[in-house]
N, C-alpha and C. Protein backbone atom coordinates (compact mmCIF):
# COMPACT_ATOMS: atom_id res chain seq x y z
N MET A 1 0.82 -1.19 0.00
CA MET A 1 0.00 0.00 0.00
C MET A 1 0.87 1.26 0.00
N LYS A 2 1.94 1.23 0.77
CA LYS A 2 2.82 2.39 0.87
C LYS A 2 3.45 2.71 -0.48
N TRP A 3 3.89 1.68 -1.21
CA TRP A 3 4.54 1.89 -2.51
C TRP A 3 3.54 2.39 -3.54
N GLU A 4 2.29 1.93 -3.44
CA GLU A 4 1.27 2.40 -4.37
C GLU A 4 1.01 3.89 -4.20
N SER A 5 0.92 4.33 -2.96
CA SER A 5 0.68 5.75 -2.72
C SER A 5 1.88 6.59 -3.16
N MET A 6 3.09 6.05 -3.03
CA MET A 6 4.27 6.78 -3.50
C MET A 6 4.25 6.89 -5.02
N ALA A 7 3.82 5.83 -5.70
CA ALA A 7 3.75 5.85 -7.16
C ALA A 7 2.70 6.86 -7.62
N ILE A 8 1.59 6.92 -6.92
CA ILE A 8 0.55 7.88 -7.27
C ILE A 8 1.06 9.30 -7.08
N MET A 9 1.75 9.54 -5.97
CA MET A 9 2.31 10.88 -5.71
C MET A 9 3.34 11.25 -6.78
N THR A 10 4.16 10.30 -7.15
CA THR A 10 5.17 10.56 -8.18
C THR A 10 4.49 10.94 -9.49
N ASN A 11 3.44 10.21 -9.86
CA ASN A 11 2.72 10.54 -11.09
C ASN A 11 2.08 11.92 -11.02
N MET A 12 1.53 12.25 -9.86
CA MET A 12 0.90 13.56 -9.70
C MET A 12 1.93 14.68 -9.81
N ILE A 13 3.09 14.48 -9.20
CA ILE A 13 4.15 15.48 -9.26
C ILE A 13 4.64 15.64 -10.70
N GLU A 14 4.78 14.53 -11.42
CA GLU A 14 5.21 14.59 -12.81
C GLU A 14 4.19 15.33 -13.66
N GLU A 15 2.92 15.08 -13.42
CA GLU A 15 1.84 15.76 -14.13
C GLU A 15 1.88 17.26 -13.87
N ILE A 16 2.08 17.65 -12.62
CA ILE A 16 2.14 19.07 -12.27
C ILE A 16 3.35 19.72 -12.93
N ARG A 17 4.49 19.05 -12.89
CA ARG A 17 5.70 19.59 -13.54
C ARG A 17 5.47 19.80 -15.03
N PHE A 18 4.85 18.81 -15.67
CA PHE A 18 4.58 18.92 -17.11
C PHE A 18 3.69 20.12 -17.39
N ARG A 19 2.63 20.26 -16.62
CA ARG A 19 1.68 21.37 -16.87
C ARG A 19 2.33 22.73 -16.61
N ILE A 20 3.15 22.84 -15.59
CA ILE A 20 3.85 24.10 -15.32
C ILE A 20 4.78 24.43 -16.48
N ASN A 21 5.56 23.45 -16.92
CA ASN A 21 6.47 23.68 -18.04
C ASN A 21 5.71 24.05 -19.31
N TYR A 22 4.60 23.36 -19.56
CA TYR A 22 3.81 23.58 -20.77
C TYR A 22 3.25 25.00 -20.79
N TYR A 23 2.60 25.41 -19.71
CA TYR A 23 1.98 26.73 -19.69
C TYR A 23 3.00 27.86 -19.59
N SER A 24 4.10 27.63 -18.92
CA SER A 24 5.14 28.67 -18.89
C SER A 24 5.74 28.86 -20.28
N MET A 25 5.87 27.77 -21.04
CA MET A 25 6.37 27.87 -22.40
C MET A 25 5.37 28.62 -23.29
N LYS A 26 4.07 28.32 -23.11
CA LYS A 26 3.05 29.02 -23.90
C LYS A 26 3.08 30.52 -23.61
N ILE A 27 3.22 30.89 -22.35
CA ILE A 27 3.27 32.31 -21.98
C ILE A 27 4.52 32.96 -22.56
N GLU A 28 5.64 32.26 -22.44
CA GLU A 28 6.90 32.81 -22.97
C GLU A 28 6.83 32.99 -24.48
N MET A 29 6.25 32.00 -25.18
CA MET A 29 6.14 32.11 -26.64
C MET A 29 5.20 33.27 -27.01
N TRP A 30 4.11 33.44 -26.27
CA TRP A 30 3.20 34.54 -26.54
C TRP A 30 3.90 35.88 -26.32
N TRP A 31 4.59 36.00 -25.20
CA TRP A 31 5.26 37.25 -24.87
C TRP A 31 6.37 37.56 -25.87
N SER A 32 7.17 36.55 -26.18
CA SER A 32 8.26 36.76 -27.13
C SER A 32 7.71 37.06 -28.52
N GLY A 33 6.57 36.45 -28.82
CA GLY A 33 5.97 36.67 -30.13
C GLY A 33 5.59 38.12 -30.38
N LEU A 34 5.40 38.87 -29.34
CA LEU A 34 5.06 40.28 -29.50
C LEU A 34 6.24 41.08 -30.04
N TRP A 35 7.46 40.60 -29.78
CA TRP A 35 8.66 41.38 -30.10
C TRP A 35 9.54 40.75 -31.18
N MET A 36 9.25 39.52 -31.58
CA MET A 36 10.13 38.84 -32.54
C MET A 36 9.81 39.22 -33.98
N THR A 37 10.84 39.14 -34.81
CA THR A 37 10.65 39.38 -36.24
C THR A 37 10.08 38.13 -36.88
N LYS A 38 9.61 38.25 -38.11
CA LYS A 38 9.06 37.10 -38.83
C LYS A 38 10.12 36.03 -39.05
N GLU A 39 11.35 36.45 -39.30
CA GLU A 39 12.44 35.50 -39.51
C GLU A 39 12.71 34.69 -38.24
N GLU A 40 12.71 35.36 -37.09
CA GLU A 40 12.94 34.66 -35.82
C GLU A 40 11.81 33.66 -35.54
N LYS A 41 10.58 34.06 -35.82
CA LYS A 41 9.45 33.15 -35.62
C LYS A 41 9.56 31.94 -36.54
N ALA A 42 9.95 32.17 -37.79
CA ALA A 42 10.09 31.07 -38.75
C ALA A 42 11.19 30.10 -38.31
N GLU A 43 12.27 30.64 -37.77
CA GLU A 43 13.37 29.81 -37.29
C GLU A 43 12.92 28.92 -36.12
N ILE A 44 12.15 29.49 -35.21
CA ILE A 44 11.66 28.72 -34.07
C ILE A 44 10.69 27.64 -34.53
N LYS A 45 9.79 27.98 -35.44
CA LYS A 45 8.83 27.00 -35.96
C LYS A 45 9.55 25.83 -36.62
N GLU A 46 10.59 26.14 -37.38
CA GLU A 46 11.36 25.08 -38.05
C GLU A 46 12.06 24.20 -37.02
N SER A 47 12.62 24.80 -35.99
CA SER A 47 13.29 24.05 -34.93
C SER A 47 12.30 23.14 -34.21
N LEU A 48 11.11 23.64 -33.91
CA LEU A 48 10.09 22.82 -33.24
C LEU A 48 9.61 21.69 -34.14
N ARG A 49 9.49 21.96 -35.45
CA ARG A 49 9.09 20.91 -36.39
C ARG A 49 10.10 19.78 -36.39
N LYS A 50 11.39 20.13 -36.42
CA LYS A 50 12.44 19.11 -36.40
C LYS A 50 12.39 18.30 -35.10
N ARG A 51 12.13 18.97 -34.00
CA ARG A 51 12.06 18.28 -32.71
C ARG A 51 10.89 17.30 -32.69
N ARG A 52 9.74 17.73 -33.21
CA ARG A 52 8.57 16.85 -33.28
C ARG A 52 8.87 15.63 -34.13
N GLU A 53 9.52 15.85 -35.28
CA GLU A 53 9.83 14.73 -36.18
C GLU A 53 10.80 13.74 -35.54
N SER A 54 11.62 14.22 -34.62
CA SER A 54 12.57 13.31 -33.97
C SER A 54 11.96 12.66 -32.73
N GLY A 55 10.67 12.90 -32.47
CA GLY A 55 10.00 12.22 -31.37
C GLY A 55 9.66 13.10 -30.18
N GLY A 56 9.96 14.38 -30.25
CA GLY A 56 9.62 15.27 -29.15
C GLY A 56 10.53 15.08 -27.95
N CYS A 57 10.22 15.76 -26.88
CA CYS A 57 11.05 15.66 -25.68
C CYS A 57 10.63 14.46 -24.84
N SER A 58 11.51 14.01 -23.98
CA SER A 58 11.24 12.81 -23.18
C SER A 58 10.07 13.02 -22.23
N MET A 59 9.90 14.23 -21.71
CA MET A 59 8.80 14.49 -20.79
C MET A 59 7.45 14.30 -21.52
N TRP A 60 7.38 14.77 -22.77
CA TRP A 60 6.16 14.61 -23.54
C TRP A 60 5.90 13.14 -23.87
N ARG A 61 6.95 12.41 -24.21
CA ARG A 61 6.79 10.97 -24.51
C ARG A 61 6.30 10.23 -23.28
N ASN A 62 6.83 10.56 -22.11
CA ASN A 62 6.37 9.93 -20.86
C ASN A 62 4.91 10.28 -20.58
N TYR A 63 4.54 11.52 -20.85
CA TYR A 63 3.16 11.94 -20.66
C TYR A 63 2.23 11.15 -21.59
N LEU A 64 2.64 10.96 -22.83
CA LEU A 64 1.81 10.23 -23.79
C LEU A 64 1.61 8.77 -23.38
N LYS A 65 2.61 8.18 -22.75
CA LYS A 65 2.46 6.80 -22.28
C LYS A 65 1.31 6.68 -21.30
N ASP A 66 1.18 7.66 -20.42
CA ASP A 66 0.13 7.63 -19.40
C ASP A 66 -1.19 8.23 -19.88
N HIS A 67 -1.14 9.06 -20.93
CA HIS A 67 -2.34 9.74 -21.44
C HIS A 67 -2.42 9.60 -22.96
N PRO A 68 -2.67 8.40 -23.47
CA PRO A 68 -2.68 8.22 -24.93
C PRO A 68 -3.74 9.06 -25.65
N GLU A 69 -4.77 9.50 -24.93
CA GLU A 69 -5.80 10.32 -25.55
C GLU A 69 -5.28 11.71 -25.93
N ALA A 70 -4.14 12.09 -25.39
CA ALA A 70 -3.55 13.40 -25.70
C ALA A 70 -2.81 13.40 -27.04
N ALA A 71 -2.61 12.23 -27.63
CA ALA A 71 -1.90 12.13 -28.91
C ALA A 71 -2.73 12.79 -30.00
N LYS A 72 -2.17 13.82 -30.61
CA LYS A 72 -2.89 14.59 -31.61
C LYS A 72 -2.33 14.35 -33.01
N TYR A 73 -1.02 14.23 -33.11
CA TYR A 73 -0.37 14.10 -34.40
C TYR A 73 -0.03 12.64 -34.68
N ASP A 74 0.22 12.34 -35.95
CA ASP A 74 0.52 10.97 -36.36
C ASP A 74 1.73 10.40 -35.64
N TRP A 75 2.80 11.21 -35.50
CA TRP A 75 4.01 10.68 -34.85
C TRP A 75 3.73 10.35 -33.39
N GLU A 76 2.83 11.11 -32.75
CA GLU A 76 2.49 10.82 -31.36
C GLU A 76 1.70 9.52 -31.26
N LYS A 77 0.78 9.32 -32.20
CA LYS A 77 -0.02 8.10 -32.22
C LYS A 77 0.85 6.87 -32.49
N GLU A 78 1.85 7.05 -33.36
CA GLU A 78 2.80 5.95 -33.63
C GLU A 78 3.60 5.62 -32.39
N PHE A 79 3.98 6.63 -31.63
CA PHE A 79 4.81 6.43 -30.45
C PHE A 79 4.08 5.61 -29.39
N ILE A 80 2.78 5.83 -29.21
CA ILE A 80 2.06 5.14 -28.14
C ILE A 80 1.61 3.74 -28.51
N LYS A 81 1.78 3.35 -29.77
CA LYS A 81 1.39 1.98 -30.18
C LYS A 81 2.26 0.94 -29.55
């Protein structure tokens, strides 16, 4: 019973960390987007596209394992199979 509750807490902490990182990144991208040039935005989009094609970050892959319904793109759906 003790180990089960520790596993649940660990999952909850990981979920909270993911959500904090996700929303802080969204805020940062919104804020930076106000001041960036079109070229800088295009460079970031290209970099993110390459990262997605290579499988995304490990935190996102771990999240998808526990939440397969969050898979939106084909590469994400392939990863959870």
